[in-house]
Amino acid sequence: MISGSLVHPLRLAILVVGLVLSALTLSAAPARADLRVCNQSANPVSIALGYRADKGWQSEGWWVAPSTKCAVVYQGDLHSRYFYLYVADDIGGGAWDGSVFMCTRDESFTIFGVEDCLARGYERTGFFEVDTQNKPDWTLQLTDPANNDNAPDNGDAAPLEGDPGAPLDQGTDNGGGDAGGGGDTGGGDTTGLD
């Protein structure tokens, strides 16, 4: 039998070891890096995302961001420098759009390819480009489109590929390092993507 004076220190030692192991396990978890869209406009918005996936261009939707809330539209390290967004004001009817065309539809979707949207039964929607500067984590702030030509608010209108002198800062760098990835999005076809 263990004496009463020994039981208390033994329990304390087991508790301390358990806490240390728990802390090590939690601190070893990798940091999450995401692409977030924060809605600073007065109305809720619906968000569609386009990007180059392993097997070609892909578009997905819809995420809803209520007013003053954010939506994570891509989870994990950003694999590419460029992502494309289309954001619709669910109440006011406006949109943050652009001249890079991808396929969408009214219901939730994941669509592979950007060609022949209408012939495949989808809508052809203009997305705007987001330059993440090869960061693994990025947040884009949307404000009411008054006086900014329906572009996201970042101090300048969102540049689309081919805009001369387009500023690179289109969001908030929430991480560091080089996430790698290409994102060559040369023009030449009607989608603005190759």
Protein backbone atom coordinates (compact mmCIF):
# COMPACT_ATOMS: atom_id res chain seq x y z
CA MET A 1 0.00 0.00 0.00
CA ILE A 2 1.25 3.49 -0.85
CA SER A 3 1.27 5.94 1.99
CA GLY A 4 -1.07 8.96 1.85
CA SER A 5 1.81 11.41 1.76
CA LEU A 6 3.15 9.84 -1.45
CA VAL A 7 -0.16 9.68 -3.34
CA HIS A 8 -0.61 13.46 -3.58
CA PRO A 9 2.82 14.18 -5.16
CA LEU A 10 2.38 11.23 -7.55
CA ARG A 11 -0.99 12.56 -8.76
CA LEU A 12 0.52 16.03 -9.17
CA ALA A 13 3.43 14.64 -11.21
CA ILE A 14 1.05 12.72 -13.50
CA LEU A 15 -1.07 15.85 -13.98
CA VAL A 16 1.98 17.98 -14.85
CA VAL A 17 3.25 15.39 -17.36
CA GLY A 18 -0.22 15.25 -18.95
CA LEU A 19 -0.38 19.03 -19.29
CA VAL A 20 3.10 19.22 -20.79
CA LEU A 21 2.28 16.52 -23.36
CA SER A 22 -0.99 18.27 -24.25
CA ALA A 23 0.82 21.58 -24.73
CA LEU A 24 3.44 19.97 -26.96
CA THR A 25 0.78 18.29 -29.07
CA LEU A 26 -1.16 21.52 -29.57
CA SER A 27 1.92 23.60 -30.36
CA ALA A 28 3.11 21.05 -32.93
CA ALA A 29 -0.07 21.44 -34.99
CA PRO A 30 0.63 23.26 -38.26
CA ALA A 31 -0.64 26.81 -38.60
CA ARG A 32 -3.67 27.20 -40.87
CA ALA A 33 -3.28 29.36 -43.90
CA ASP A 34 -6.33 30.32 -45.92
CA LEU A 35 -7.80 32.71 -48.46
CA ARG A 36 -10.44 34.79 -46.67
CA VAL A 37 -12.91 37.34 -47.96
CA CYS A 38 -14.11 39.78 -45.30
CA ASN A 39 -17.32 41.62 -46.06
CA GLN A 40 -17.26 45.19 -44.80
CA SER A 41 -20.24 46.16 -46.95
CA ALA A 42 -23.75 46.76 -45.62
CA ASN A 43 -25.26 43.62 -47.21
CA PRO A 44 -24.48 39.91 -47.23
CA VAL A 45 -22.51 38.73 -50.25
CA SER A 46 -22.14 35.46 -52.14
CA ILE A 47 -18.65 34.52 -53.28
CA ALA A 48 -17.40 32.34 -56.13
CA LEU A 49 -13.72 31.33 -56.39
CA GLY A 50 -11.64 30.38 -59.41
CA TYR A 51 -8.09 29.02 -59.50
CA ARG A 52 -5.72 26.73 -61.34
CA ALA A 53 -6.00 23.27 -59.77
CA ASP A 54 -3.82 20.23 -60.46
CA LYS A 55 -5.97 19.24 -63.45
CA GLY A 56 -6.63 22.72 -64.87
CA TRP A 57 -8.93 25.62 -64.12
CA GLN A 58 -11.59 25.14 -61.48
CA SER A 59 -14.39 27.37 -60.17
CA GLU A 60 -16.37 26.83 -56.98
CA GLY A 61 -19.19 28.54 -55.14
CA TRP A 62 -21.03 29.74 -53.20
CA TRP A 63 -19.76 30.99 -49.86
CA VAL A 64 -21.88 33.54 -48.03
CA ALA A 65 -20.30 36.30 -45.96
CA PRO A 66 -22.78 38.29 -43.87
CA SER A 67 -22.06 41.96 -43.33
CA THR A 68 -18.96 42.48 -41.10
CA LYS A 69 -18.04 38.75 -41.28
CA CYS A 70 -15.43 36.78 -43.20
CA ALA A 71 -15.71 33.62 -45.28
CA VAL A 72 -12.82 31.21 -45.86
CA VAL A 73 -13.06 30.40 -49.57
CA TYR A 74 -9.85 28.35 -49.85
CA GLN A 75 -8.52 26.32 -46.93
CA GLY A 76 -4.84 25.57 -46.53
CA ASP A 77 -1.65 27.09 -47.89
CA LEU A 78 -2.28 29.05 -51.04
CA HIS A 79 -0.75 26.99 -53.84
CA SER A 80 -0.78 29.77 -56.41
CA ARG A 81 -0.07 33.47 -56.57
CA TYR A 82 -3.31 34.30 -58.38
CA PHE A 83 -6.88 33.50 -57.40
CA TYR A 84 -10.04 34.82 -59.02
CA LEU A 85 -13.23 35.99 -57.32
CA TYR A 86 -16.73 36.98 -58.25
CA VAL A 87 -18.75 38.51 -55.41
CA ALA A 88 -22.46 39.33 -55.63
CA ASP A 89 -24.34 41.64 -53.27
CA ASP A 90 -27.25 39.44 -52.19
CA ILE A 91 -29.58 42.36 -51.42
CA GLY A 92 -28.41 45.39 -53.40
CA GLY A 93 -27.84 43.44 -56.60
CA GLY A 94 -24.38 44.85 -57.34
CA ALA A 95 -21.25 42.78 -57.89
CA TRP A 96 -17.49 42.85 -57.66
CA ASP A 97 -16.55 41.34 -61.00
CA GLY A 98 -13.92 41.46 -63.69
CA SER A 99 -12.92 40.37 -67.17
CA VAL A 100 -11.55 36.90 -66.43
CA PHE A 101 -14.38 34.58 -67.41
CA MET A 102 -15.15 31.31 -65.66
CA CYS A 103 -18.16 29.06 -65.35
CA THR A 104 -20.70 29.37 -62.51
CA ARG A 105 -24.27 28.38 -61.75
CA ASP A 106 -26.92 29.50 -59.30
CA GLU A 107 -26.66 26.48 -57.00
CA SER A 108 -23.54 25.29 -55.16
CA PHE A 109 -20.96 24.15 -57.69
CA THR A 110 -17.51 22.84 -58.47
CA ILE A 111 -16.83 23.19 -62.18
CA PHE A 112 -13.70 22.03 -63.99
CA GLY A 113 -12.62 24.02 -67.02
CA VAL A 114 -13.41 27.54 -68.20
CA GLU A 115 -14.29 26.83 -71.80
CA ASP A 116 -17.74 26.57 -73.36
CA CYS A 117 -19.61 27.51 -70.17
CA LEU A 118 -22.94 28.15 -71.90
CA ALA A 119 -22.74 25.03 -74.07
CA ARG A 120 -22.10 22.96 -70.94
CA GLY A 121 -25.17 24.42 -69.20
CA TYR A 122 -23.38 26.94 -66.96
CA GLU A 123 -23.27 30.71 -66.77
CA ARG A 124 -20.24 32.64 -68.04
CA THR A 125 -19.21 35.01 -65.24
CA GLY A 126 -16.48 37.66 -65.08
CA PHE A 127 -14.10 37.24 -62.12
CA PHE A 128 -11.47 39.69 -60.85
CA GLU A 129 -7.88 38.69 -60.11
CA VAL A 130 -6.43 38.62 -56.60
CA ASP A 131 -2.63 38.70 -56.40
CA THR A 132 -1.58 37.00 -53.15
CA GLN A 133 2.10 37.77 -53.79
CA ASN A 134 2.92 34.08 -53.22
CA LYS A 135 1.99 34.35 -49.54
CA PRO A 136 0.53 31.24 -47.89
CA ASP A 137 -2.30 33.24 -46.28
CA TRP A 138 -4.37 36.15 -47.63
CA THR A 139 -7.38 38.23 -46.57
CA LEU A 140 -9.33 40.45 -48.95
CA GLN A 141 -11.51 43.23 -47.50
CA LEU A 142 -14.66 44.14 -49.43
CA THR A 143 -16.40 47.46 -48.86
CA ASP A 144 -19.46 49.02 -50.44
CA PRO A 145 -18.66 49.58 -54.11
CA ALA A 146 -19.63 53.26 -54.12
CA ASN A 147 -17.02 55.29 -56.00
CA ASN A 148 -14.74 52.34 -56.74
CA ASP A 149 -16.18 50.89 -59.95
CA ASN A 150 -17.44 47.70 -58.26
CA ALA A 151 -13.95 46.62 -57.27
CA PRO A 152 -12.74 45.39 -53.88
CA ASP A 153 -11.57 48.13 -51.55
CA ASN A 154 -7.84 48.04 -51.18
CA GLY A 155 -7.06 51.66 -51.89
CA ASP A 156 -7.09 51.02 -55.64
CA ALA A 157 -9.35 49.20 -58.03
CA ALA A 158 -8.56 45.51 -58.29
CA PRO A 159 -6.13 45.14 -61.17
CA LEU A 160 -6.88 42.53 -63.77
CA GLU A 161 -4.22 40.81 -65.75
CA GLY A 162 -2.74 43.08 -68.33
CA ASP A 163 -3.48 46.32 -66.48
CA PRO A 164 -0.29 48.37 -66.74
CA GLY A 165 1.08 49.59 -63.42
CA ALA A 166 -1.36 47.51 -61.41
CA PRO A 167 -0.56 47.64 -57.68
CA LEU A 168 0.30 44.34 -56.07
CA ASP A 169 -1.32 44.88 -52.66
CA GLN A 170 -4.85 43.52 -52.88
CA GLY A 171 -5.32 42.29 -49.38
CA THR A 172 -3.68 41.65 -46.10
CA ASP A 173 -0.62 39.45 -45.80
CA ASN A 174 -1.35 37.24 -42.82
CA GLY A 175 1.64 35.02 -43.22
CA GLY A 176 5.11 34.91 -44.55
CA GLY A 177 7.26 32.75 -46.70
CA ASP A 178 7.03 31.61 -50.26
CA ALA A 179 4.12 29.32 -50.94
CA GLY A 180 5.44 28.58 -54.40
CA GLY A 181 3.06 27.95 -57.24
CA GLY A 182 2.87 29.49 -60.61
CA GLY A 183 -0.27 31.11 -61.79
CA ASP A 184 0.73 31.99 -65.35
CA THR A 185 -2.48 33.48 -66.59
CA GLY A 186 -1.63 34.91 -69.97
CA GLY A 187 -4.37 36.17 -72.23
CA GLY A 188 -5.20 35.21 -75.78
CA ASP A 189 -8.57 33.52 -75.45
CA THR A 190 -11.96 34.78 -74.42
CA THR A 191 -11.55 33.63 -70.82
CA GLY A 192 -8.37 35.59 -70.16
CA LEU A 193 -6.87 32.31 -68.93
CA ASP A 194 -4.64 29.79 -70.66
